[in-house]
Amino acid sequence: MRLVHLDLKGAAPRVSYLEQVFPLLSQLGANGILIEYEDMFPFKGELDILKSPYAYSEEDIERIQQLAELHKLEVVPLVQTFGHVEFILKHEKYQHLREVERFPNSFNPHIPDTLALVKSILSQVIEKHRRSTWIHIGADEVFHLGEGMDSKNWMSHNKGDTGTMYLKHIKEVLSFIATQYWGLRALMWDDMLRKISVGALRGERTGTAAAAPEPGVSAATVCVAALAGVVPSAQQEPVPGPVGTRVSGEHEEPQASSCCWHRRPRPHPCSPHREAMARLALLRRYDHYSVLCELLPVGIPSLAICLQTLVNGGFTEETKRKVLDTLGFQSMQLEQSTCEGRGAFPGAEIYHMVEQVNGHLKESILKALEEESAIKGWFSPYHRKRQFGNPRNMESFGSKVLKLHEDWESFVRDLRTHLESVYFPDTVEEWMEENVNPYLDQLRDLVRDYR
């Protein structure tokens, strides 16, 4: 399986854009979509508080699955069940379920309400994805596990450690899935498992690929026979089989990269179907509180290269030609992370306009403000604050600054129009405030004072 991970905790695209993107992903070699909804899922009842004002509707969720099915993309929903639950624990209603009271990152596994809430969230998501044969339970980066007082008391009384505590919670989650949703298989990330001793893994006999148990088999021993034979140390090769193996850093500068490369794992020795999975992440946010990563249309060329490299077994000339033809580019320069040509993929206009913002907006404005001697000498912050200056000197830079301002304002209006066709208003405003306004506002202020 070649899964494209759509991380929707930031810059979730409109369904109308996914309608354009799904056929492209299929054409490039993807055969599945891993969807991490977070607050974009239309939670109901007591979970209603979790959803964003711009959350997808139930009809949207159904439409996404229909589009995926139309383009032969298997949908795998991802529900975080231990860490990365800021979108839940930020709410006062669920604050008592935090491992450490000050931090909204991870669940306290010792409070019965935690597992009850996880089950409720899983149930709502799974019920809306009855076509899916897989569920992903996340379970990565459980920050501060073991630091809460309940965990310290548990480890003291049970002579356990964070590893056994982690496995205990995961077993309960997997057991619920195996007993309530027969035939549904589970996936999880492997980073926390790598920290657990081989002996503990052998003793627990819990599964990373949680296939439904055969009749008569305990639900708690889902699938994998001896996890210790599958999970190597962190210094060795990635975990083989259908564990979401993360081999590239996800804590670089948020704007630096939006597409993470992941090695093709070897077939899992215990899996009856011997699946191998590769996951390519289009990260929208590192966590619920971070700034946005790069936008989906800007990450598409990188994703296309990764998908075709997986399909062809390497970055060959055939790979390069397929990507160029599919995306409508004339050439690409990997070292400079650039593609030449107009582009003919969904969102190509945004791709080019973001290039303009990243490459020229800041530079052109700072050059005008800092290198224009008449501004520095005769229209300094001192002059502007007191509203006085010599018209002769001001006219020497005025027309140039006004033209620069007019050009960028016109450009930004077009950019906003394109962004609004793909994204909801909150995403557009956040991206503008992070990437455009810090520079354009300086120019706007100067023009206001000049006038």
Protein backbone atom coordinates (compact mmCIF):
# COMPACT_ATOMS: atom_id res chain seq x y z
CA MET A 1 0.00 0.00 0.00
CA ARG A 2 1.22 3.46 -0.89
CA LEU A 3 -0.63 5.77 1.48
CA VAL A 4 -0.76 9.54 1.24
CA HIS A 5 -1.24 10.91 4.74
CA LEU A 6 -3.59 13.90 4.74
CA ASP A 7 -3.00 15.61 8.05
CA LEU A 8 -6.06 17.85 8.49
CA LYS A 9 -5.19 19.58 11.76
CA GLY A 10 -4.16 22.54 9.65
CA ALA A 11 -5.08 23.84 6.20
CA ALA A 12 -7.77 21.23 5.59
CA PRO A 13 -8.79 21.56 1.91
CA ARG A 14 -12.35 21.90 0.73
CA VAL A 15 -13.90 18.70 -0.62
CA SER A 16 -14.14 20.38 -4.03
CA TYR A 17 -10.32 20.53 -4.10
CA LEU A 18 -9.96 16.89 -3.02
CA GLU A 19 -12.20 16.08 -5.96
CA GLN A 20 -9.44 17.42 -8.21
CA VAL A 21 -6.51 15.99 -6.21
CA PHE A 22 -7.62 12.37 -5.73
CA PRO A 23 -7.39 11.44 -9.44
CA LEU A 24 -3.93 13.01 -9.53
CA LEU A 25 -2.77 10.96 -6.52
CA SER A 26 -4.06 7.79 -8.14
CA GLN A 27 -2.35 8.66 -11.41
CA LEU A 28 0.94 9.19 -9.56
CA GLY A 29 0.79 5.77 -7.89
CA ALA A 30 -1.02 6.16 -4.58
CA ASN A 31 -3.58 3.50 -3.73
CA GLY A 32 -4.67 4.72 -0.32
CA ILE A 33 -5.38 7.82 1.74
CA LEU A 34 -4.55 7.99 5.44
CA ILE A 35 -6.87 10.70 6.81
CA GLU A 36 -6.08 12.31 10.16
CA TYR A 37 -9.22 14.36 10.76
CA GLU A 38 -8.66 15.76 14.26
CA ASP A 39 -11.16 18.62 14.63
CA MET A 40 -12.32 18.41 11.00
CA PHE A 41 -14.50 15.37 11.77
CA PRO A 42 -18.24 16.06 12.34
CA PHE A 43 -18.38 14.78 15.91
CA LYS A 44 -21.85 14.52 17.43
CA GLY A 45 -23.43 14.47 20.86
CA GLU A 46 -21.11 15.05 23.79
CA LEU A 47 -18.14 15.14 21.36
CA ASP A 48 -19.59 18.09 19.45
CA ILE A 49 -17.20 20.41 21.30
CA LEU A 50 -14.22 18.85 19.49
CA LYS A 51 -15.10 19.93 15.98
CA SER A 52 -13.87 23.03 14.20
CA PRO A 53 -16.37 25.66 13.00
CA TYR A 54 -15.27 24.59 9.50
CA ALA A 55 -15.44 20.82 10.14
CA TYR A 56 -16.55 18.60 7.28
CA SER A 57 -20.20 17.58 7.33
CA GLU A 58 -21.36 13.97 7.38
CA GLU A 59 -22.16 14.40 3.69
CA ASP A 60 -18.59 15.60 3.11
CA ILE A 61 -17.16 12.49 4.81
CA GLU A 62 -19.32 10.30 2.58
CA ARG A 63 -18.31 12.28 -0.51
CA ILE A 64 -14.61 11.93 0.33
CA GLN A 65 -15.00 8.15 0.52
CA GLN A 66 -16.95 8.04 -2.73
CA LEU A 67 -14.22 10.05 -4.47
CA ALA A 68 -11.56 7.76 -3.05
CA GLU A 69 -13.43 4.65 -4.17
CA LEU A 70 -13.92 6.15 -7.63
CA HIS A 71 -10.15 6.56 -7.98
CA LYS A 72 -9.24 3.23 -6.33
CA LEU A 73 -7.84 4.83 -3.17
CA GLU A 74 -8.43 2.93 0.05
CA VAL A 75 -9.39 5.22 2.94
CA VAL A 76 -7.66 4.61 6.27
CA PRO A 77 -8.95 6.94 9.02
CA LEU A 78 -6.45 7.92 11.71
CA VAL A 79 -7.59 8.57 15.28
CA GLN A 80 -4.98 9.56 17.86
CA THR A 81 -5.56 7.45 20.96
CA PHE A 82 -2.71 8.39 23.35
CA GLY A 83 -0.50 11.31 22.27
CA HIS A 84 -1.10 14.23 19.90
CA VAL A 85 -4.51 14.85 21.46
CA GLU A 86 -4.19 18.61 21.94
CA PHE A 87 -7.40 19.19 19.99
CA ILE A 88 -9.19 17.23 22.73
CA LEU A 89 -7.33 18.14 25.89
CA LYS A 90 -7.26 21.88 25.17
CA HIS A 91 -10.93 21.94 26.18
CA GLU A 92 -11.70 22.54 29.85
CA LYS A 93 -14.23 19.71 29.68
CA TYR A 94 -11.42 17.18 29.15
CA GLN A 95 -8.58 18.87 31.01
CA HIS A 96 -8.82 16.33 33.84
CA LEU A 97 -7.72 13.61 31.38
CA ARG A 98 -4.25 15.07 30.84
CA GLU A 99 -1.20 13.04 31.86
CA VAL A 100 0.37 16.26 33.15
CA GLU A 101 -2.16 18.92 34.10
CA ARG A 102 -0.22 21.79 32.50
CA PHE A 103 0.23 20.12 29.11
CA PRO A 104 -2.56 19.13 26.67
CA ASN A 105 -0.39 16.67 24.70
CA SER A 106 -1.18 13.22 26.09
CA PHE A 107 -3.89 11.22 27.84
CA ASN A 108 -3.63 9.97 31.40
CA PRO A 109 -4.17 6.21 30.84
CA HIS A 110 -5.17 5.54 34.45
CA ILE A 111 -8.44 7.45 34.49
CA PRO A 112 -11.36 5.27 33.31
CA ASP A 113 -12.86 8.26 31.48
CA THR A 114 -9.83 8.30 29.16
CA LEU A 115 -10.52 4.90 27.62
CA ALA A 116 -14.25 5.65 27.52
CA LEU A 117 -13.56 8.85 25.57
CA VAL A 118 -11.15 7.10 23.19
CA LYS A 119 -13.75 4.40 22.52
CA SER A 120 -16.42 7.02 21.86
CA ILE A 121 -14.20 8.91 19.38
CA LEU A 122 -13.13 5.71 17.62
CA SER A 123 -16.74 4.56 17.37
CA GLN A 124 -17.96 7.76 15.72
CA VAL A 125 -15.11 7.75 13.19
CA ILE A 126 -15.33 4.03 12.40
CA GLU A 127 -19.11 4.18 11.99
CA LYS A 128 -18.66 6.75 9.24
CA HIS A 129 -16.00 4.60 7.52
CA ARG A 130 -17.63 1.18 7.29
CA ARG A 131 -16.02 0.56 3.89
CA SER A 132 -12.54 0.82 5.45
CA THR A 133 -10.69 -2.35 6.39
CA TRP A 134 -8.02 -0.49 8.38
CA ILE A 135 -8.03 1.95 11.30
CA HIS A 136 -4.90 3.82 12.41
CA ILE A 137 -4.65 4.49 16.15
CA GLY A 138 -1.69 6.89 16.03
CA ALA A 139 -0.08 6.28 19.45
CA ASP A 140 3.14 8.14 18.61
CA GLU A 141 5.04 10.76 20.59
CA VAL A 142 3.22 10.29 23.89
CA PHE A 143 5.04 13.20 25.47
CA HIS A 144 5.35 13.31 29.29
CA LEU A 145 4.12 9.74 29.72
CA GLY A 146 5.06 8.65 33.22
CA GLU A 147 5.44 12.19 34.56
CA GLY A 148 1.95 12.49 36.03
CA MET A 149 1.30 11.55 39.64
CA ASP A 150 -1.13 8.76 38.66
CA SER A 151 1.53 7.21 36.43
CA LYS A 152 4.23 7.48 39.08
CA ASN A 153 1.95 5.77 41.61
CA TRP A 154 1.07 3.04 39.09
CA MET A 155 4.70 2.32 38.26
CA SER A 156 5.57 2.21 41.95
CA HIS A 157 2.75 -0.14 42.92
CA ASN A 158 3.10 -2.42 39.88
CA LYS A 159 6.90 -2.36 39.62
CA GLY A 160 6.39 -1.27 36.02
CA ASP A 161 7.84 1.31 33.67
CA THR A 162 6.53 3.63 30.97
CA GLY A 163 6.86 0.83 28.39
CA THR A 164 4.54 -1.57 30.19
CA MET A 165 2.17 1.29 30.94
CA TYR A 166 2.13 2.26 27.26
CA LEU A 167 1.47 -1.33 26.13
CA LYS A 168 -1.32 -1.73 28.67
CA HIS A 169 -3.23 1.21 27.20
CA ILE A 170 -2.59 0.15 23.61
CA LYS A 171 -3.79 -3.38 24.35
CA GLU A 172 -7.04 -1.98 25.72
CA VAL A 173 -7.56 0.16 22.61
CA LEU A 174 -6.76 -2.72 20.24
CA SER A 175 -8.93 -5.11 22.24
CA PHE A 176 -11.89 -2.73 21.88
CA ILE A 177 -11.38 -2.53 18.10
CA ALA A 178 -10.96 -6.29 17.73
CA THR A 179 -14.07 -7.15 19.75
CA GLN A 180 -16.38 -4.39 18.50
CA TYR A 181 -15.35 -4.27 14.84
CA TRP A 182 -14.63 -7.78 13.66
CA GLY A 183 -12.44 -7.83 10.57
CA LEU A 184 -11.07 -4.31 11.05
CA ARG A 185 -7.28 -4.20 11.21
CA ALA A 186 -5.31 -1.59 13.08
CA LEU A 187 -2.14 0.33 12.37
CA MET A 188 0.03 2.39 14.69
CA TRP A 189 3.28 4.34 14.58
CA ASP A 190 6.30 2.53 15.96
CA ASP A 191 8.39 5.22 17.69
CA MET A 192 7.15 4.46 21.21
CA LEU A 193 7.58 0.71 20.66
CA ARG A 194 11.25 1.22 19.84
CA LYS A 195 11.84 2.45 23.40
CA ILE A 196 10.41 -0.72 24.97
CA SER A 197 12.59 -3.68 25.85
CA VAL A 198 12.44 -6.85 23.79
CA GLY A 199 11.45 -8.79 26.88
CA ALA A 200 8.50 -6.54 27.60
CA LEU A 201 7.29 -6.82 24.03
CA ARG A 202 7.52 -10.61 24.08
CA GLY A 203 5.65 -10.72 27.35
CA GLU A 204 2.81 -8.50 26.22
CA ARG A 205 2.18 -10.17 22.86
CA THR A 206 0.26 -7.14 21.61
CA GLY A 207 0.03 -6.42 17.91
CA THR A 208 1.06 -3.56 15.70
CA ALA A 209 -1.04 -4.88 12.81
CA ALA A 210 -4.15 -5.68 14.76
CA ALA A 211 -6.04 -8.08 12.57
CA ALA A 212 -9.32 -9.29 13.93
CA PRO A 213 -8.75 -12.42 16.02
CA GLU A 214 -9.89 -15.81 14.82
CA PRO A 215 -12.81 -17.33 16.73
CA GLY A 216 -11.56 -18.53 20.08
CA VAL A 217 -8.50 -16.26 20.10
CA SER A 218 -8.33 -13.65 22.83
CA ALA A 219 -8.95 -10.15 21.49
CA ALA A 220 -6.02 -8.86 23.55
CA THR A 221 -3.50 -10.95 21.59
CA VAL A 222 -4.38 -9.42 18.25
CA CYS A 223 -2.33 -10.74 15.35
CA VAL A 224 1.38 -10.32 15.90
CA ALA A 225 2.93 -13.33 17.59
CA ALA A 226 6.17 -11.99 19.02
CA LEU A 227 6.53 -8.27 18.54
CA ALA A 228 10.07 -8.48 19.79
CA GLY A 229 11.07 -10.32 16.65
CA VAL A 230 9.65 -7.53 14.53
CA VAL A 231 10.67 -4.35 16.31
CA PRO A 232 14.43 -3.77 16.16
CA SER A 233 16.35 -1.16 18.06
CA ALA A 234 16.23 2.42 16.84
CA GLN A 235 19.70 2.04 15.34
CA GLN A 236 18.63 -0.78 13.05
CA GLU A 237 16.42 -0.96 9.97
CA PRO A 238 12.85 0.37 10.14
CA VAL A 239 10.16 -1.86 11.52
CA PRO A 240 9.09 -4.25 8.75
CA GLY A 241 5.47 -4.69 7.87
CA PRO A 242 2.43 -2.49 8.26
CA VAL A 243 3.76 -0.25 10.98
CA GLY A 244 3.81 3.41 9.95
CA THR A 245 7.57 3.78 9.98
CA ARG A 246 8.71 7.36 10.28
CA VAL A 247 12.27 7.69 9.08
CA SER A 248 12.52 11.37 8.28
CA GLY A 249 12.46 14.13 10.86
CA GLU A 250 9.15 15.81 11.49
CA HIS A 251 10.61 18.58 13.61
CA GLU A 252 12.44 20.63 11.05
CA GLU A 253 11.39 24.22 10.43
CA PRO A 254 7.66 24.05 9.59
CA GLN A 255 8.00 25.83 6.26
CA ALA A 256 11.00 23.83 5.15
CA SER A 257 9.25 20.75 3.86
CA SER A 258 5.74 19.45 3.52
CA CYS A 259 6.38 15.96 2.21
CA CYS A 260 8.19 13.32 4.25
CA TRP A 261 9.86 10.35 2.62
CA HIS A 262 9.37 6.90 4.10
CA ARG A 263 11.15 3.69 3.15
CA ARG A 264 9.21 0.75 1.78
CA PRO A 265 9.09 -1.76 4.67
CA ARG A 266 9.67 -5.48 4.23
CA PRO A 267 6.64 -7.80 4.42
CA HIS A 268 5.48 -8.50 7.94
CA PRO A 269 6.32 -12.08 8.93
CA CYS A 270 3.06 -12.59 10.84
CA SER A 271 0.63 -10.98 8.46
CA PRO A 272 -1.43 -13.48 6.45
CA HIS A 273 -1.57 -11.01 3.56
CA ARG A 274 2.06 -9.90 3.92
CA GLU A 275 1.27 -6.27 3.34
CA ALA A 276 4.00 -3.75 2.85
CA MET A 277 3.17 -0.14 3.37
CA ALA A 278 4.82 3.14 2.60
CA ARG A 279 3.44 6.38 3.95
CA LEU A 280 4.07 9.83 2.52
CA ALA A 281 3.03 12.63 4.82
CA LEU A 282 1.66 15.96 3.71
CA LEU A 283 2.05 17.65 7.07
CA ARG A 284 -0.22 20.59 7.62
CA ARG A 285 0.85 21.25 11.22
CA TYR A 286 3.37 19.61 13.53
CA ASP A 287 0.83 19.73 16.31
CA HIS A 288 -2.44 21.45 17.03
CA TYR A 289 -0.68 24.56 18.38
CA SER A 290 2.08 25.07 15.81
CA VAL A 291 2.04 27.34 12.77
CA LEU A 292 1.00 25.92 9.42
CA CYS A 293 3.44 23.91 7.38
CA GLU A 294 3.55 24.44 3.62
CA LEU A 295 0.28 24.35 1.71
CA LEU A 296 -0.90 21.22 -0.10
CA PRO A 297 -0.60 22.65 -3.65
CA VAL A 298 3.00 23.65 -2.90
CA GLY A 299 3.81 20.15 -1.64
CA ILE A 300 2.35 18.34 -4.66
CA PRO A 301 5.56 18.31 -6.78
CA SER A 302 7.52 16.84 -3.86
CA LEU A 303 4.78 14.28 -3.23
CA ALA A 304 4.67 13.38 -6.93
CA ILE A 305 8.41 12.67 -6.97
CA CYS A 306 8.15 10.51 -3.83
CA LEU A 307 5.18 8.51 -5.14
CA GLN A 308 6.75 7.85 -8.52
CA THR A 309 10.06 6.94 -6.87
CA LEU A 310 8.19 4.33 -4.82
CA VAL A 311 6.43 3.00 -7.91
CA ASN A 312 9.62 2.75 -10.00
CA GLY A 313 11.95 1.66 -7.21
CA GLY A 314 14.19 4.70 -7.53
CA PHE A 315 14.47 8.24 -8.87
CA THR A 316 15.02 7.24 -12.49
CA GLU A 317 14.69 9.20 -15.71
CA GLU A 318 11.34 7.45 -16.16
CA THR A 319 10.30 8.74 -12.73
CA LYS A 320 11.34 12.27 -13.60
CA ARG A 321 9.62 12.23 -16.99
CA LYS A 322 6.35 10.88 -15.54
CA VAL A 323 6.30 13.61 -12.88
CA LEU A 324 7.02 16.38 -15.39
CA ASP A 325 4.37 15.14 -17.81
CA THR A 326 1.75 14.63 -15.11
CA LEU A 327 2.29 18.01 -13.46
CA GLY A 328 2.82 19.98 -16.66
CA PHE A 329 6.35 21.21 -15.91
CA GLN A 330 9.23 21.49 -18.38
CA SER A 331 12.07 20.70 -15.98
CA MET A 332 12.94 20.39 -12.31
CA GLN A 333 15.98 21.20 -10.20
CA LEU A 334 15.92 19.07 -7.07
CA GLU A 335 18.93 20.83 -5.54
CA GLN A 336 17.10 24.17 -5.70
CA SER A 337 13.67 22.62 -4.99
CA THR A 338 12.25 24.30 -8.08
CA CYS A 339 10.18 23.28 -11.08
CA GLU A 340 10.15 25.25 -14.31
CA GLY A 341 7.01 25.71 -16.37
CA ARG A 342 3.41 26.79 -15.84
CA GLY A 343 2.22 23.57 -14.26
CA ALA A 344 -1.10 21.89 -14.98
CA PHE A 345 -2.06 20.32 -11.67
CA PRO A 346 -4.78 21.37 -9.20
CA GLY A 347 -3.48 24.40 -7.33
CA ALA A 348 -0.61 25.20 -9.71
CA GLU A 349 -1.51 28.90 -9.48
CA ILE A 350 -1.05 28.78 -5.70
CA TYR A 351 2.25 26.93 -6.15
CA HIS A 352 3.65 29.75 -8.29
CA MET A 353 2.18 32.55 -6.20
CA VAL A 354 3.63 31.12 -2.99
CA GLU A 355 6.98 30.99 -4.79
CA GLN A 356 6.60 34.71 -5.45
CA VAL A 357 5.80 35.40 -1.80
CA ASN A 358 8.70 33.30 -0.52
CA GLY A 359 11.18 34.58 -3.06
CA HIS A 360 10.35 38.25 -3.58
CA LEU A 361 7.86 39.80 -1.14
CA LYS A 362 10.15 40.23 1.85
CA GLU A 363 13.19 41.06 -0.25
CA SER A 364 11.49 43.73 -2.36
CA ILE A 365 9.89 45.49 0.61
CA LEU A 366 12.97 45.47 2.84
CA LYS A 367 15.04 46.74 -0.07
CA ALA A 368 12.66 49.68 -0.54
CA LEU A 369 12.50 50.49 3.16
CA GLU A 370 16.14 49.98 4.12
CA GLU A 371 18.15 50.83 1.03
CA GLU A 372 16.34 53.97 -0.14
CA SER A 373 18.50 56.77 1.23
CA ALA A 374 15.74 59.38 1.08
CA ILE A 375 13.56 57.21 3.33
CA LYS A 376 16.37 56.58 5.79
CA GLY A 377 17.46 60.23 5.88
CA TRP A 378 14.28 62.26 5.41
CA PHE A 379 11.40 59.92 6.30
CA SER A 380 12.64 58.01 9.31
CA PRO A 381 10.38 56.70 12.12
CA TYR A 382 11.13 60.00 13.89
CA HIS A 383 9.74 62.03 10.99
CA ARG A 384 6.76 59.73 10.51
CA LYS A 385 5.79 59.82 14.18
CA ARG A 386 5.83 63.64 14.18
CA GLN A 387 4.31 63.92 10.69
CA PHE A 388 6.79 66.28 9.09
CA GLY A 389 9.13 66.08 6.13
CA ASN A 390 10.41 67.93 3.09
CA PRO A 391 8.17 67.29 0.04
CA ARG A 392 11.21 67.55 -2.24
CA ASN A 393 12.86 64.58 -0.57
CA MET A 394 9.65 62.61 -0.20
CA GLU A 395 8.85 62.91 -3.89
CA SER A 396 12.17 61.28 -4.70
CA PHE A 397 10.92 57.93 -3.39
CA GLY A 398 7.14 58.36 -3.36
CA SER A 399 6.21 57.10 -6.82
CA LYS A 400 8.45 54.05 -6.46
CA VAL A 401 6.97 53.07 -3.08
CA LEU A 402 3.39 53.68 -4.21
CA LYS A 403 3.93 51.49 -7.29
CA LEU A 404 5.46 48.70 -5.18
CA HIS A 405 2.53 48.88 -2.78
CA GLU A 406 -0.05 48.83 -5.57
CA ASP A 407 1.59 45.84 -7.28
CA TRP A 408 1.76 43.74 -4.12
CA GLU A 409 -1.78 44.59 -3.03
CA SER A 410 -3.08 43.52 -6.43
CA PHE A 411 -1.03 40.32 -6.25
CA VAL A 412 -2.30 39.52 -2.75
CA ARG A 413 -5.93 40.01 -3.82
CA ASP A 414 -5.43 37.40 -6.55
CA LEU A 415 -3.62 35.08 -4.16
CA ARG A 416 -6.44 35.35 -1.62
CA THR A 417 -9.00 34.49 -4.31
CA HIS A 418 -7.09 31.34 -5.25
CA LEU A 419 -6.58 30.33 -1.62
CA GLU A 420 -10.28 30.78 -0.84
CA SER A 421 -11.16 28.37 -3.64
CA VAL A 422 -9.15 25.65 -1.89
CA TYR A 423 -9.25 26.50 1.82
CA PHE A 424 -11.64 27.67 4.51
CA PRO A 425 -11.43 31.29 5.78
CA ASP A 426 -9.47 30.46 8.95
CA THR A 427 -6.66 28.86 6.93
CA VAL A 428 -6.50 31.76 4.49
CA GLU A 429 -6.27 34.31 7.30
CA GLU A 430 -3.63 32.34 9.20
CA TRP A 431 -1.45 31.83 6.13
CA MET A 432 -1.67 35.52 5.21
CA GLU A 433 -0.84 36.62 8.74
CA GLU A 434 2.16 34.31 8.92
CA ASN A 435 3.62 34.79 5.45
CA VAL A 436 2.38 38.04 3.91
CA ASN A 437 1.32 40.58 6.51
CA PRO A 438 4.59 40.78 8.51
CA TYR A 439 6.22 42.33 5.43
CA LEU A 440 3.35 43.93 3.55
CA ASP A 441 2.11 45.69 6.69
CA GLN A 442 5.44 47.53 6.91
CA LEU A 443 4.90 48.82 3.39
CA ARG A 444 1.26 49.65 4.12
CA ASP A 445 2.28 51.67 7.17
CA LEU A 446 4.89 53.60 5.19
CA VAL A 447 2.40 54.43 2.42
CA ARG A 448 -0.19 55.53 5.01
CA ASP A 449 2.32 57.89 6.64
CA TYR A 450 3.53 59.14 3.24
CA ARG A 451 0.02 60.03 2.18
